[in-house]
Amino acid sequence: MFRRARFAVLFGVIFLVILRYYTTTRHSILDVTEGKTSGPWREEWGHPIKTKQSKGANDTVHDESDEYVNYLRVLHRKHGFTNDVPVATRRIKAKYSKPPLKARPSLAQVKNPLFKDPLGFTRARLDSDNIWLPAHAEIPPLSLPIARTGPRPSSIDASSLLFGISTTYARLTYANNALLSDWAAWLTDGRGSSNGAGLVLTLHGATESQVKTIRDELHHLGIDVTLTASAEGETDAGGRYAQLVQQMMRQRHREPDRKWFALVDDDVFFPCMGRLLSRLQKFDTSETHYVGVPSERADWVIDHGTAITYGGAAIFMTAPMLDTSGQLLCLQYTKTSGQTGLADEEDPGVGMAWDEGLSECLARNTPDIKMDVLPGLFSPTTANAQTNIDDVQRGGGYASGALPLALHRYRNYHRFEAGKGHAVTSACGEDCFLQRFLFKDGWVLVNGYTLTRYDGGVTAEKVTVQTPKKKSGGADSKGAVKPSERLRIVDAEDVNPKERYALSWKGKKKTWRLLDARVKENGEVWQAYVNRRGGGNTVGGDMDDRRPGDIVHHAEEEKSDVDSVILLIWEGEGEK
């Protein structure tokens, strides 16, 4: 009887272990890059984990190895890595061009390899007490060329800007407050204090408790916010942004130093606030100016060779323009109808997008005022239209080496956590964000986005983009487009320079996507790039939950049966 009882207990234990294994949630890279399992930048590193001081013939354990191991285990707990994880690390130091280049090249070619002996991948069992890491402290950091000494977030004064956003509590709290963390990247100094920019925020249909929760979180992040709630069903999106115009008109009289008043969608990201401010300085703020900053190709409508944009959900107005807009009847909402009176032609029962409604209202009532356009990432005037379209649809917009002025729909379209990618600017300035590097050993880094290895080698070919001459009345014979007469394109070539580099390769490639980024007190920025088992940056099979428009997965990806991690550690101060 006693023996049977022992067998029954043993069988029960085995059953529970098997049940736990098959019911444990395993996260895909889409979960990770949507921020569902990650926290804000300033999250604690956790308690230090001491590794045993044992070593192999070619390995040495240093004090800093404890920090590497601790960070890896934090990532392991949060993101569900396989226990057996190949890990590679590389310390990096920025080296700035002397004198600074006028424009950032689309590719920086590095004469040195990214990894060389004794660097490379080390297999680590993260559930083991012993983890052997190479002697990283004895390897000099790799200097990477940075084209320009762009400002760091801590040195930017954005007090001339006041932003207005209308959104919902559900959107802001989704994925562990992911959007709020992204806002902190461009509305603060990166150290928990405001960079001077103000935010007027309305939460549609929010309760008093929800308003307080969001207000407290924004203040904790260091964002200067004025927050109100709009009643559920009170007005449409156009009406809510019309309300914002009225609120911002009142606030500008209380804050006379504000020069620019911006209406933006909640999923717009400004990675280069210093550069944005310098572009806006070209306009006289005592005059009436209305500036759009479209980003994606989807922010443009191209019809019969003519391109038009409504601003890409990022509209900047001077104070005179703000006053002019606020006095127009077509931008007045009524609580009775819940509409601004501007309806979508295809669906009259639904109000049109707020930026389109604003544009149409101004076109009807102020026909002499044109929109000045600062292309954020895509500009139809700098190349053959079809080439430009294909470039963005393949994800080339982020991976092309362009320095974006604005990003739009970056999470939904590309599964890109821009706030984490932007963290590296604390170490090397905003000009190094998404900068593309080609290393001697065939690795390509798109800083803050991806790190890719080409097993058959990779070559770079210079491509000079000629701005085609446009014929009157529409596109030329090469398919180029011209902007609408209601637009004035400004600084298009600054976003998409004429001289670019296209990459070609042979064989398979393997891509590691940015998973996490941390800014340390000493100014270092730690970036963790991950390649998930199964290849293509997904777990494959039924767990592949890609959505339409998710273009970061590729059939030619080299497959692997384990997760692997690359840590890039940017030192705090680069070589001047």
Protein backbone atom coordinates (compact mmCIF):
# COMPACT_ATOMS: atom_id res chain seq x y z
CA MET A 1 0.00 0.00 0.00
CA PHE A 2 2.82 2.39 0.93
CA ARG A 3 4.58 1.65 -2.37
CA ARG A 4 1.40 2.38 -4.34
CA ALA A 5 1.01 5.69 -2.51
CA ARG A 6 4.57 6.67 -3.41
CA PHE A 7 3.95 5.86 -7.07
CA ALA A 8 0.72 7.89 -7.00
CA VAL A 9 2.53 10.92 -5.54
CA LEU A 10 5.36 10.60 -8.08
CA PHE A 11 2.88 10.30 -10.95
CA GLY A 12 1.03 13.41 -9.68
CA VAL A 13 4.24 15.46 -9.55
CA ILE A 14 5.22 14.43 -13.09
CA PHE A 15 1.72 15.28 -14.35
CA LEU A 16 1.85 18.78 -12.78
CA VAL A 17 5.30 19.47 -14.29
CA ILE A 18 4.08 18.44 -17.76
CA LEU A 19 0.90 20.47 -17.36
CA ARG A 20 2.85 23.58 -16.35
CA TYR A 21 5.22 23.20 -19.31
CA TYR A 22 2.46 23.06 -21.88
CA THR A 23 0.33 25.81 -20.32
CA THR A 24 3.11 28.33 -19.75
CA THR A 25 2.57 31.45 -21.85
CA ARG A 26 5.27 31.92 -24.49
CA HIS A 27 5.57 35.41 -25.90
CA SER A 28 6.16 36.17 -29.55
CA ILE A 29 8.29 39.05 -30.78
CA LEU A 30 5.08 40.92 -31.60
CA ASP A 31 4.13 40.86 -27.93
CA VAL A 32 7.56 42.15 -27.07
CA THR A 33 7.76 44.94 -29.62
CA GLU A 34 4.28 46.15 -28.73
CA GLY A 35 5.54 46.73 -25.20
CA LYS A 36 3.13 44.20 -23.66
CA THR A 37 5.78 42.69 -21.43
CA SER A 38 8.09 45.63 -20.95
CA GLY A 39 8.18 48.62 -18.66
CA PRO A 40 9.38 52.22 -18.83
CA TRP A 41 13.02 53.12 -19.37
CA ARG A 42 13.72 54.00 -15.77
CA GLU A 43 12.49 50.67 -14.46
CA GLU A 44 14.84 49.25 -11.83
CA TRP A 45 17.44 46.80 -13.05
CA GLY A 46 16.47 44.44 -10.21
CA HIS A 47 18.60 43.06 -7.43
CA PRO A 48 22.21 42.29 -8.40
CA ILE A 49 22.83 38.64 -9.16
CA LYS A 50 26.24 37.37 -8.16
CA THR A 51 27.80 34.79 -10.45
CA LYS A 52 30.25 32.21 -9.23
CA GLN A 53 33.81 33.13 -10.06
CA SER A 54 34.52 29.99 -12.09
CA LYS A 55 35.95 30.28 -15.56
CA GLY A 56 36.94 28.28 -18.58
CA ALA A 57 40.23 28.26 -20.43
CA ASN A 58 39.35 31.25 -22.60
CA ASP A 59 36.89 33.05 -20.34
CA THR A 60 37.31 35.52 -17.52
CA VAL A 61 34.58 36.69 -15.17
CA HIS A 62 34.81 40.37 -14.25
CA ASP A 63 32.77 42.44 -11.83
CA GLU A 64 30.89 43.97 -14.76
CA SER A 65 29.86 40.47 -15.82
CA ASP A 66 27.48 40.50 -12.87
CA GLU A 67 25.69 43.43 -14.50
CA TYR A 68 25.53 41.72 -17.89
CA VAL A 69 24.14 38.58 -16.32
CA ASN A 70 21.65 40.53 -14.22
CA TYR A 71 20.34 42.37 -17.27
CA LEU A 72 20.05 39.13 -19.27
CA ARG A 73 18.09 37.50 -16.49
CA VAL A 74 15.73 40.47 -16.27
CA LEU A 75 15.07 40.11 -20.00
CA HIS A 76 14.73 36.35 -19.62
CA ARG A 77 12.07 36.69 -16.91
CA LYS A 78 10.10 39.33 -18.79
CA HIS A 79 10.22 37.92 -22.31
CA GLY A 80 10.29 34.17 -21.91
CA PHE A 81 13.59 33.34 -23.61
CA THR A 82 14.77 29.79 -24.02
CA ASN A 83 17.12 28.90 -21.17
CA ASP A 84 19.97 28.16 -23.57
CA VAL A 85 20.64 31.59 -25.11
CA PRO A 86 23.55 32.57 -27.38
CA VAL A 87 24.69 36.02 -26.21
CA ALA A 88 27.06 38.53 -27.82
CA THR A 89 28.02 41.95 -26.47
CA ARG A 90 29.89 44.92 -27.91
CA ARG A 91 30.82 48.23 -26.35
CA ILE A 92 30.50 51.25 -28.67
CA LYS A 93 31.73 54.82 -28.60
CA ALA A 94 30.50 57.58 -30.90
CA LYS A 95 33.09 59.42 -32.99
CA TYR A 96 31.74 62.65 -34.50
CA SER A 97 32.65 64.00 -37.91
CA LYS A 98 34.99 67.01 -37.96
CA PRO A 99 33.63 69.30 -39.18
CA PRO A 100 30.05 68.01 -38.86
CA LEU A 101 28.51 66.99 -42.16
CA LYS A 102 25.68 69.15 -43.50
CA ALA A 103 23.50 66.09 -44.03
CA ARG A 104 23.64 62.61 -42.57
CA PRO A 105 24.57 60.00 -45.21
CA SER A 106 22.15 57.12 -45.65
CA LEU A 107 24.96 54.67 -44.80
CA ALA A 108 28.08 54.89 -42.65
CA GLN A 109 30.64 52.27 -43.69
CA VAL A 110 32.83 51.02 -40.83
CA LYS A 111 36.29 49.67 -41.63
CA ASN A 112 36.31 47.42 -38.57
CA PRO A 113 34.24 44.27 -37.95
CA LEU A 114 31.46 44.37 -35.40
CA PHE A 115 32.66 41.13 -33.82
CA LYS A 116 36.17 39.67 -33.79
CA ASP A 117 37.98 37.23 -31.53
CA PRO A 118 37.56 36.88 -28.62
CA LEU A 119 34.17 38.53 -29.18
CA GLY A 120 31.23 36.64 -30.54
CA PHE A 121 28.38 34.53 -29.27
CA THR A 122 28.67 32.71 -25.95
CA ARG A 123 26.08 30.08 -25.04
CA ALA A 124 24.58 30.89 -21.66
CA ARG A 125 22.11 28.92 -19.58
CA LEU A 126 20.19 31.63 -17.81
CA ASP A 127 18.74 29.21 -15.24
CA SER A 128 22.24 28.19 -14.13
CA ASP A 129 24.33 29.68 -11.31
CA ASN A 130 27.37 29.67 -13.58
CA ILE A 131 27.43 31.91 -16.62
CA TRP A 132 30.78 32.41 -18.34
CA LEU A 133 31.21 35.59 -20.33
CA PRO A 134 34.22 36.75 -22.37
CA ALA A 135 36.55 39.41 -21.03
CA HIS A 136 34.58 42.38 -22.36
CA ALA A 137 36.33 44.92 -20.15
CA GLU A 138 39.66 44.21 -21.85
CA ILE A 139 38.32 44.92 -25.37
CA PRO A 140 38.47 48.60 -26.42
CA PRO A 141 35.09 50.02 -27.47
CA LEU A 142 34.37 50.20 -31.17
CA SER A 143 34.25 53.78 -32.48
CA LEU A 144 31.37 54.43 -34.87
CA PRO A 145 31.23 57.52 -37.11
CA ILE A 146 28.37 59.91 -36.31
CA ALA A 147 27.75 62.45 -39.04
CA ARG A 148 26.65 65.38 -36.92
CA THR A 149 26.71 66.32 -33.26
CA GLY A 150 22.96 66.52 -32.85
CA PRO A 151 21.65 67.63 -29.46
CA ARG A 152 20.91 65.17 -26.69
CA PRO A 153 17.44 65.31 -25.11
CA SER A 154 18.87 66.90 -21.97
CA SER A 155 20.06 70.00 -23.88
CA ILE A 156 16.85 70.80 -25.81
CA ASP A 157 14.64 73.76 -24.88
CA ALA A 158 11.19 73.18 -26.37
CA SER A 159 9.36 75.83 -24.32
CA SER A 160 8.09 77.50 -27.50
CA LEU A 161 5.88 74.49 -28.26
CA LEU A 162 2.40 73.61 -27.03
CA PHE A 163 0.93 70.30 -28.21
CA GLY A 164 -2.71 69.26 -28.27
CA ILE A 165 -3.81 65.59 -28.32
CA SER A 166 -7.22 63.94 -28.00
CA THR A 167 -7.27 60.24 -27.12
CA THR A 168 -8.83 57.70 -24.76
CA TYR A 169 -7.89 56.12 -21.46
CA ALA A 170 -7.84 52.67 -23.05
CA ARG A 171 -5.29 53.68 -25.67
CA LEU A 172 -2.98 55.28 -23.14
CA THR A 173 -3.04 52.33 -20.74
CA TYR A 174 -2.72 49.66 -23.44
CA ALA A 175 0.49 47.61 -23.36
CA ASN A 176 1.67 48.89 -20.00
CA ASN A 177 1.26 52.62 -20.83
CA ALA A 178 3.38 52.23 -23.96
CA LEU A 179 2.25 55.48 -25.61
CA LEU A 180 2.94 57.48 -22.46
CA SER A 181 6.50 56.16 -22.38
CA ASP A 182 6.88 57.16 -26.03
CA TRP A 183 5.59 60.68 -25.30
CA ALA A 184 8.19 61.02 -22.56
CA ALA A 185 10.91 60.56 -25.19
CA TRP A 186 10.03 63.84 -26.96
CA LEU A 187 8.28 65.82 -24.20
CA THR A 188 10.99 65.48 -21.53
CA ASP A 189 14.75 65.83 -21.15
CA GLY A 190 15.21 62.06 -20.79
CA ARG A 191 15.91 62.51 -17.08
CA GLY A 192 12.39 62.80 -15.72
CA SER A 193 11.83 66.53 -16.22
CA SER A 194 9.98 68.51 -18.88
CA ASN A 195 11.97 69.85 -21.83
CA GLY A 196 9.74 72.93 -21.73
CA ALA A 197 7.09 71.73 -24.17
CA GLY A 198 3.51 71.82 -22.92
CA LEU A 199 0.70 69.35 -23.57
CA VAL A 200 -3.04 69.98 -23.65
CA LEU A 201 -4.67 66.56 -23.42
CA THR A 202 -8.34 65.53 -23.58
CA LEU A 203 -9.50 62.02 -22.68
CA HIS A 204 -12.68 61.09 -24.51
CA GLY A 205 -15.28 59.47 -22.25
CA ALA A 206 -12.93 59.23 -19.25
CA THR A 207 -14.02 59.14 -15.61
CA GLU A 208 -12.57 61.38 -12.91
CA SER A 209 -10.57 58.44 -11.59
CA GLN A 210 -9.12 57.72 -15.02
CA VAL A 211 -8.20 61.38 -15.54
CA LYS A 212 -6.38 61.38 -12.20
CA THR A 213 -4.53 58.17 -13.05
CA ILE A 214 -3.24 59.54 -16.36
CA ARG A 215 -2.41 62.94 -14.87
CA ASP A 216 -0.37 61.33 -12.10
CA GLU A 217 1.50 59.10 -14.55
CA LEU A 218 2.31 61.99 -16.89
CA HIS A 219 3.59 64.09 -14.01
CA HIS A 220 5.66 61.13 -12.83
CA LEU A 221 7.23 60.92 -16.29
CA GLY A 222 8.01 64.65 -16.18
CA ILE A 223 5.49 65.81 -18.79
CA ASP A 224 3.95 69.28 -18.39
CA VAL A 225 0.27 68.55 -19.03
CA THR A 226 -3.13 70.24 -18.78
CA LEU A 227 -5.68 67.43 -18.76
CA THR A 228 -9.46 67.42 -19.19
CA ALA A 229 -12.14 64.88 -20.12
CA SER A 230 -14.73 65.09 -22.88
CA ALA A 231 -18.08 63.35 -22.47
CA GLU A 232 -18.72 60.09 -24.31
CA GLY A 233 -20.65 60.75 -27.52
CA GLU A 234 -20.42 64.52 -27.09
CA THR A 235 -18.61 65.07 -30.38
CA ASP A 236 -16.70 63.33 -33.15
CA ALA A 237 -12.93 63.33 -33.63
CA GLY A 238 -13.07 66.55 -35.65
CA GLY A 239 -15.11 68.18 -32.92
CA ARG A 240 -12.70 67.05 -30.21
CA TYR A 241 -9.80 68.64 -32.06
CA ALA A 242 -11.90 71.76 -32.61
CA GLN A 243 -12.29 71.84 -28.84
CA LEU A 244 -8.52 71.56 -28.51
CA VAL A 245 -8.11 74.63 -30.74
CA GLN A 246 -10.34 76.59 -28.36
CA GLN A 247 -8.48 75.31 -25.29
CA MET A 248 -5.10 76.16 -26.78
CA MET A 249 -6.30 79.66 -27.68
CA ARG A 250 -7.17 80.24 -24.03
CA GLN A 251 -3.94 78.72 -22.77
CA ARG A 252 -1.67 80.77 -25.01
CA HIS A 253 -2.83 83.93 -23.23
CA ARG A 254 -1.71 82.38 -19.94
CA GLU A 255 1.59 81.26 -21.49
CA PRO A 256 2.70 84.10 -23.79
CA ASP A 257 6.11 82.55 -24.53
CA ARG A 258 4.53 79.80 -26.62
CA LYS A 259 5.18 80.40 -30.34
CA TRP A 260 3.93 77.19 -31.97
CA PHE A 261 0.70 75.30 -31.35
CA ALA A 262 0.60 71.73 -32.62
CA LEU A 263 -2.35 69.38 -33.08
CA VAL A 264 -1.15 65.79 -33.33
CA ASP A 265 -2.47 62.24 -33.20
CA ASP A 266 -1.54 60.22 -30.14
CA ASP A 267 0.61 57.88 -32.27
CA VAL A 268 2.87 60.59 -33.71
CA PHE A 269 6.47 60.52 -32.52
CA PHE A 270 9.03 63.31 -32.90
CA PRO A 271 12.52 61.78 -32.65
CA CYS A 272 14.45 64.98 -33.46
CA MET A 273 13.01 67.81 -31.39
CA GLY A 274 16.15 69.90 -31.83
CA ARG A 275 15.97 69.53 -35.59
CA LEU A 276 12.22 70.20 -35.61
CA LEU A 277 12.75 73.44 -33.71
CA SER A 278 15.44 74.55 -36.15
CA ARG A 279 13.09 73.89 -39.09
CA LEU A 280 10.30 75.87 -37.49
CA GLN A 281 12.68 78.79 -36.92
CA LYS A 282 12.56 79.43 -40.66
CA PHE A 283 9.05 80.80 -40.25
CA ASP A 284 8.13 84.19 -38.80
CA THR A 285 5.89 83.36 -35.84
CA SER A 286 4.30 86.81 -35.96
CA GLU A 287 2.77 85.86 -39.30
CA THR A 288 0.05 83.37 -40.24
CA HIS A 289 1.67 79.99 -40.86
CA TYR A 290 0.15 76.52 -41.07
CA VAL A 291 2.75 73.70 -41.23
CA GLY A 292 2.18 69.99 -41.77
CA VAL A 293 4.70 67.26 -40.94
CA PRO A 294 3.53 64.11 -42.78
CA SER A 295 5.58 60.98 -42.23
CA GLU A 296 4.43 57.74 -43.88
CA ARG A 297 3.46 57.29 -47.52
CA ALA A 298 -0.08 56.79 -46.18
CA ASP A 299 -0.06 60.44 -45.06
CA TRP A 300 -0.15 61.45 -48.73
CA VAL A 301 -2.86 61.12 -51.36
CA ILE A 302 -1.47 60.82 -54.90
CA ASP A 303 -4.00 61.10 -57.70
CA HIS A 304 -3.25 61.65 -61.41
CA GLY A 305 0.27 62.82 -60.71
CA THR A 306 -0.68 65.29 -57.99
CA ALA A 307 0.25 64.77 -54.34
CA ILE A 308 -1.68 66.22 -51.46
CA THR A 309 -1.40 65.79 -47.72
CA TYR A 310 -3.55 66.99 -44.86
CA GLY A 311 -0.51 67.15 -42.61
CA GLY A 312 -0.16 63.54 -41.55
CA ALA A 313 -1.94 64.16 -38.23
CA ALA A 314 0.81 66.60 -37.19
CA ILE A 315 -0.15 70.25 -37.70
CA PHE A 316 1.82 73.24 -36.37
CA MET A 317 0.26 76.71 -36.25
CA THR A 318 1.59 80.10 -35.27
CA ALA A 319 -0.48 82.16 -32.84
CA PRO A 320 -2.11 84.25 -35.63
CA MET A 321 -2.99 81.02 -37.47
CA LEU A 322 -4.43 79.52 -34.29
CA ASP A 323 -6.66 82.58 -33.79
CA THR A 324 -7.78 82.49 -37.42
CA SER A 325 -8.68 78.81 -37.19
CA GLY A 326 -10.55 79.15 -33.93
CA GLN A 327 -12.87 81.80 -35.35
CA LEU A 328 -14.05 79.74 -38.34
CA LEU A 329 -17.57 78.38 -38.07
CA CYS A 330 -16.64 75.09 -39.71
CA LEU A 331 -14.31 74.37 -36.81
CA GLN A 332 -17.01 74.98 -34.22
CA TYR A 333 -18.62 71.89 -32.76
CA THR A 334 -22.16 71.61 -31.38
CA LYS A 335 -23.12 69.39 -28.48
CA THR A 336 -26.50 68.83 -30.11
CA SER A 337 -25.25 67.27 -33.31
CA GLY A 338 -21.92 66.00 -32.01
CA GLN A 339 -20.41 66.96 -35.34
CA THR A 340 -18.35 69.81 -36.73
CA GLY A 341 -20.42 69.84 -39.90
CA LEU A 342 -17.56 68.36 -41.93
CA ALA A 343 -18.55 64.88 -43.10
CA ASP A 344 -16.74 62.20 -45.03
CA GLU A 345 -18.05 62.11 -48.62
CA GLU A 346 -17.95 58.30 -48.77
CA ASP A 347 -19.70 57.91 -45.41
CA PRO A 348 -21.68 61.08 -44.57
CA GLY A 349 -22.66 59.68 -41.18
CA VAL A 350 -19.06 59.74 -40.02
CA GLY A 351 -17.02 62.87 -39.52
CA MET A 352 -13.86 63.08 -41.62
CA ALA A 353 -10.42 62.78 -40.06
CA TRP A 354 -9.65 65.86 -38.00
CA ASP A 355 -6.60 66.91 -40.03
CA GLU A 356 -8.55 66.58 -43.27
CA GLY A 357 -11.44 68.54 -41.76
CA LEU A 358 -9.08 71.29 -40.66
CA SER A 359 -7.53 71.45 -44.12
CA GLU A 360 -10.91 71.57 -45.88
CA CYS A 361 -12.20 74.24 -43.51
CA LEU A 362 -9.17 76.46 -44.14
CA ALA A 363 -9.33 75.87 -47.90
CA ARG A 364 -12.93 77.11 -47.99
CA ASN A 365 -12.49 80.12 -45.78
CA THR A 366 -8.85 81.16 -46.14
CA PRO A 367 -7.94 80.20 -49.73
CA ASP A 368 -4.85 82.43 -49.70
CA ILE A 369 -3.23 80.40 -46.90
CA LYS A 370 -1.17 77.45 -48.12
CA MET A 371 0.13 74.59 -46.01
CA ASP A 372 3.90 74.54 -45.66
CA VAL A 373 5.04 70.91 -45.59
CA LEU A 374 8.09 69.61 -43.72
CA PRO A 375 8.31 65.97 -44.87
CA GLY A 376 8.80 63.77 -41.83
CA LEU A 377 10.04 60.63 -43.59
CA PHE A 378 8.53 60.30 -47.08
CA SER A 379 8.49 63.01 -49.73
CA PRO A 380 7.03 62.41 -53.21
CA THR A 381 9.12 65.23 -54.70
CA THR A 382 12.58 63.71 -54.21
CA ALA A 383 12.37 60.61 -56.39
CA ASN A 384 10.37 58.54 -58.77
CA ALA A 385 7.03 58.09 -57.07
CA GLN A 386 6.82 54.31 -57.44
CA THR A 387 10.36 53.82 -56.13
CA ASN A 388 9.56 55.89 -53.08
CA ILE A 389 6.31 54.04 -52.47
CA ASP A 390 7.96 50.63 -52.71
CA ASP A 391 10.74 51.78 -50.40
CA VAL A 392 8.34 52.63 -47.61
CA GLN A 393 6.07 49.62 -48.12
CA ARG A 394 9.06 47.29 -47.70
CA GLY A 395 9.93 48.96 -44.43
CA GLY A 396 12.80 50.79 -46.12
CA GLY A 397 11.65 54.03 -44.56
CA TYR A 398 13.17 53.12 -41.20
CA ALA A 399 15.95 50.90 -42.52
CA SER A 400 17.03 53.21 -45.36
CA GLY A 401 19.22 55.44 -43.20
CA ALA A 402 16.87 58.44 -43.45
CA LEU A 403 16.71 60.73 -40.41
CA PRO A 404 12.97 61.17 -39.79
CA LEU A 405 11.47 64.39 -38.52
CA ALA A 406 8.30 62.58 -37.45
CA LEU A 407 6.99 59.03 -37.25
CA HIS A 408 3.31 58.13 -37.60
CA ARG A 409 1.58 54.79 -36.91
CA TYR A 410 5.00 53.35 -36.13
CA ARG A 411 3.58 50.76 -33.72
CA ASN A 412 0.63 49.53 -35.75
CA TYR A 413 2.38 49.54 -39.12
CA HIS A 414 5.89 48.39 -38.20
CA ARG A 415 5.75 47.05 -34.63
CA PHE A 416 8.41 49.61 -33.75
CA GLU A 417 8.83 50.80 -30.17
CA ALA A 418 10.21 54.19 -31.10
CA GLY A 419 10.64 55.32 -27.50
CA LYS A 420 13.08 52.50 -26.78
CA GLY A 421 14.90 53.03 -30.06
CA HIS A 422 15.20 56.73 -29.27
CA ALA A 423 16.91 56.07 -25.93
CA VAL A 424 20.30 55.86 -27.66
CA THR A 425 20.16 59.62 -28.35
CA SER A 426 21.07 60.15 -24.71
CA ALA A 427 24.52 58.79 -25.56
CA CYS A 428 25.17 59.99 -29.11
CA GLY A 429 22.64 62.72 -29.91
CA GLU A 430 19.51 62.71 -32.04
CA ASP A 431 21.47 62.41 -35.32
CA CYS A 432 22.43 58.81 -34.49
CA PHE A 433 18.82 57.60 -34.21
CA LEU A 434 18.15 55.07 -37.01
CA GLN A 435 21.62 55.79 -38.45
CA ARG A 436 22.69 52.84 -40.63
CA PHE A 437 26.14 51.26 -40.25
CA LEU A 438 27.73 48.63 -42.51
CA PHE A 439 30.57 46.72 -40.80
CA LYS A 440 33.50 44.98 -42.43
CA ASP A 441 32.24 41.54 -41.39
CA GLY A 442 28.86 41.97 -43.11
CA TRP A 443 26.73 43.14 -40.19
CA VAL A 444 24.31 46.05 -40.68
CA LEU A 445 23.03 48.10 -37.75
CA VAL A 446 20.03 50.40 -38.03
CA ASN A 447 20.58 52.10 -34.71
CA GLY A 448 17.68 51.54 -32.34
CA TYR A 449 15.76 49.35 -34.80
CA THR A 450 17.50 46.24 -36.18
CA LEU A 451 20.84 44.45 -36.38
CA THR A 452 21.27 42.08 -39.35
CA ARG A 453 23.89 39.49 -40.36
CA TYR A 454 24.24 38.47 -44.03
CA ASP A 455 25.90 35.06 -44.26
CA GLY A 456 26.83 35.47 -47.96
CA GLY A 457 28.19 38.97 -47.62
CA VAL A 458 26.64 42.34 -48.35
CA THR A 459 27.63 45.15 -50.70
CA ALA A 460 26.61 48.80 -50.82
CA GLU A 461 25.87 50.59 -54.08
CA LYS A 462 25.58 54.35 -54.31
CA VAL A 463 22.33 55.48 -55.88
CA THR A 464 21.97 59.11 -56.92
CA VAL A 465 18.35 60.22 -57.00
CA GLN A 466 17.67 62.87 -59.58
CA THR A 467 14.81 65.25 -58.91
CA PRO A 468 12.87 65.00 -62.17
CA LYS A 469 11.59 67.98 -64.05
CA LYS A 470 7.84 68.19 -63.80
CA LYS A 471 5.54 68.95 -66.67
CA SER A 472 2.61 71.22 -66.18
CA GLY A 473 -0.59 69.47 -65.32
CA GLY A 474 0.75 66.38 -63.57
CA ALA A 475 3.37 63.66 -63.54
CA ASP A 476 6.29 63.48 -65.91
CA SER A 477 7.16 60.45 -68.06
CA LYS A 478 9.13 58.83 -65.22
CA GLY A 479 6.19 58.79 -62.86
CA ALA A 480 7.22 61.71 -60.67
CA VAL A 481 4.51 63.66 -58.92
CA LYS A 482 4.10 67.31 -58.14
CA PRO A 483 2.53 68.72 -54.98
CA SER A 484 -0.89 70.29 -55.00
CA GLU A 485 -1.07 74.03 -55.48
CA ARG A 486 -2.31 74.23 -51.90
CA LEU A 487 1.06 73.00 -50.62
CA ARG A 488 4.62 74.33 -50.34
CA ILE A 489 7.23 71.62 -49.77
CA VAL A 490 10.07 72.78 -47.51
CA ASP A 491 13.39 70.96 -46.95
CA ALA A 492 12.35 67.79 -48.79
CA GLU A 493 15.94 66.78 -49.55
CA ASP A 494 16.90 67.04 -45.90
CA VAL A 495 14.68 64.03 -45.20
CA ASN A 496 15.43 62.04 -48.37
CA PRO A 497 18.87 63.14 -49.61
CA LYS A 498 19.71 62.74 -53.29
CA GLU A 499 22.64 60.45 -52.54
CA ARG A 500 21.67 57.11 -51.04
CA TYR A 501 23.09 53.62 -50.67
CA ALA A 502 21.23 50.47 -51.60
CA LEU A 503 22.29 47.13 -50.09
CA SER A 504 22.47 43.81 -51.93
CA TRP A 505 23.42 40.43 -50.51
CA LYS A 506 23.63 36.72 -51.17
CA GLY A 507 22.36 33.79 -49.15
CA LYS A 508 20.40 33.94 -45.91
CA LYS A 509 20.15 36.80 -43.50
CA LYS A 510 19.36 36.86 -39.81
CA THR A 511 17.83 39.87 -38.09
CA TRP A 512 17.83 40.85 -34.42
CA ARG A 513 15.16 43.44 -33.54
CA LEU A 514 15.43 45.92 -30.70
CA LEU A 515 13.83 44.44 -27.62
CA ASP A 516 14.84 46.75 -24.81
CA ALA A 517 16.91 49.85 -24.09
CA ARG A 518 18.04 51.32 -20.77
CA VAL A 519 19.74 54.60 -19.92
CA LYS A 520 22.08 54.22 -16.94
CA GLU A 521 23.04 56.89 -14.45
CA ASN A 522 26.57 57.09 -15.88
CA GLY A 523 25.15 57.99 -19.31
CA GLU A 524 25.59 54.55 -20.90
CA VAL A 525 22.78 53.23 -23.06
CA TRP A 526 22.25 49.46 -23.13
CA GLN A 527 20.43 48.11 -26.18
CA ALA A 528 19.20 44.51 -26.34
CA TYR A 529 18.47 43.09 -29.81
CA VAL A 530 16.75 39.69 -30.05
CA ASN A 531 16.23 37.03 -32.69
CA ARG A 532 13.45 34.64 -31.76
CA ARG A 533 13.63 30.91 -32.33
CA GLY A 534 11.90 29.77 -35.49
CA GLY A 535 13.37 32.51 -37.69
CA GLY A 536 11.70 35.59 -39.08
CA ASN A 537 11.49 37.06 -35.59
CA THR A 538 8.37 35.03 -34.73
CA VAL A 539 7.87 31.78 -32.89
CA GLY A 540 6.23 30.34 -36.01
CA GLY A 541 3.27 28.04 -36.50
CA ASP A 542 0.02 28.81 -34.72
CA MET A 543 1.80 31.31 -32.49
CA ASP A 544 2.65 33.55 -35.43
CA ASP A 545 0.13 36.35 -34.82
CA ARG A 546 1.21 38.74 -37.53
CA ARG A 547 -1.34 41.29 -38.63
CA PRO A 548 -1.96 42.89 -42.03
CA GLY A 549 0.67 45.53 -42.65
CA ASP A 550 3.28 43.85 -40.44
CA ILE A 551 6.23 43.87 -42.82
CA VAL A 552 9.17 43.08 -40.55
CA HIS A 553 9.15 39.32 -41.24
CA HIS A 554 10.97 37.85 -44.23
CA ALA A 555 10.87 34.43 -45.84
CA GLU A 556 14.63 34.46 -46.45
CA GLU A 557 15.35 34.72 -42.71
CA GLU A 558 17.77 32.13 -41.35
CA LYS A 559 15.97 29.93 -38.82
CA SER A 560 17.17 29.03 -35.34
CA ASP A 561 15.95 26.68 -32.62
CA VAL A 562 16.89 29.05 -29.76
CA ASP A 563 16.48 32.70 -28.91
CA SER A 564 19.65 34.79 -29.20
CA VAL A 565 20.51 38.20 -27.79
CA ILE A 566 23.00 40.90 -28.76
CA LEU A 567 23.82 43.65 -26.26
CA LEU A 568 25.21 46.91 -27.64
CA ILE A 569 26.50 49.23 -24.94
CA TRP A 570 26.92 52.86 -25.98
CA GLU A 571 29.32 54.76 -23.77
CA GLY A 572 28.09 58.04 -22.37
CA GLU A 573 30.39 60.52 -24.11
CA GLY A 574 31.64 60.07 -27.64
CA GLU A 575 34.88 61.31 -29.17
CA LYS A 576 34.54 65.00 -30.02
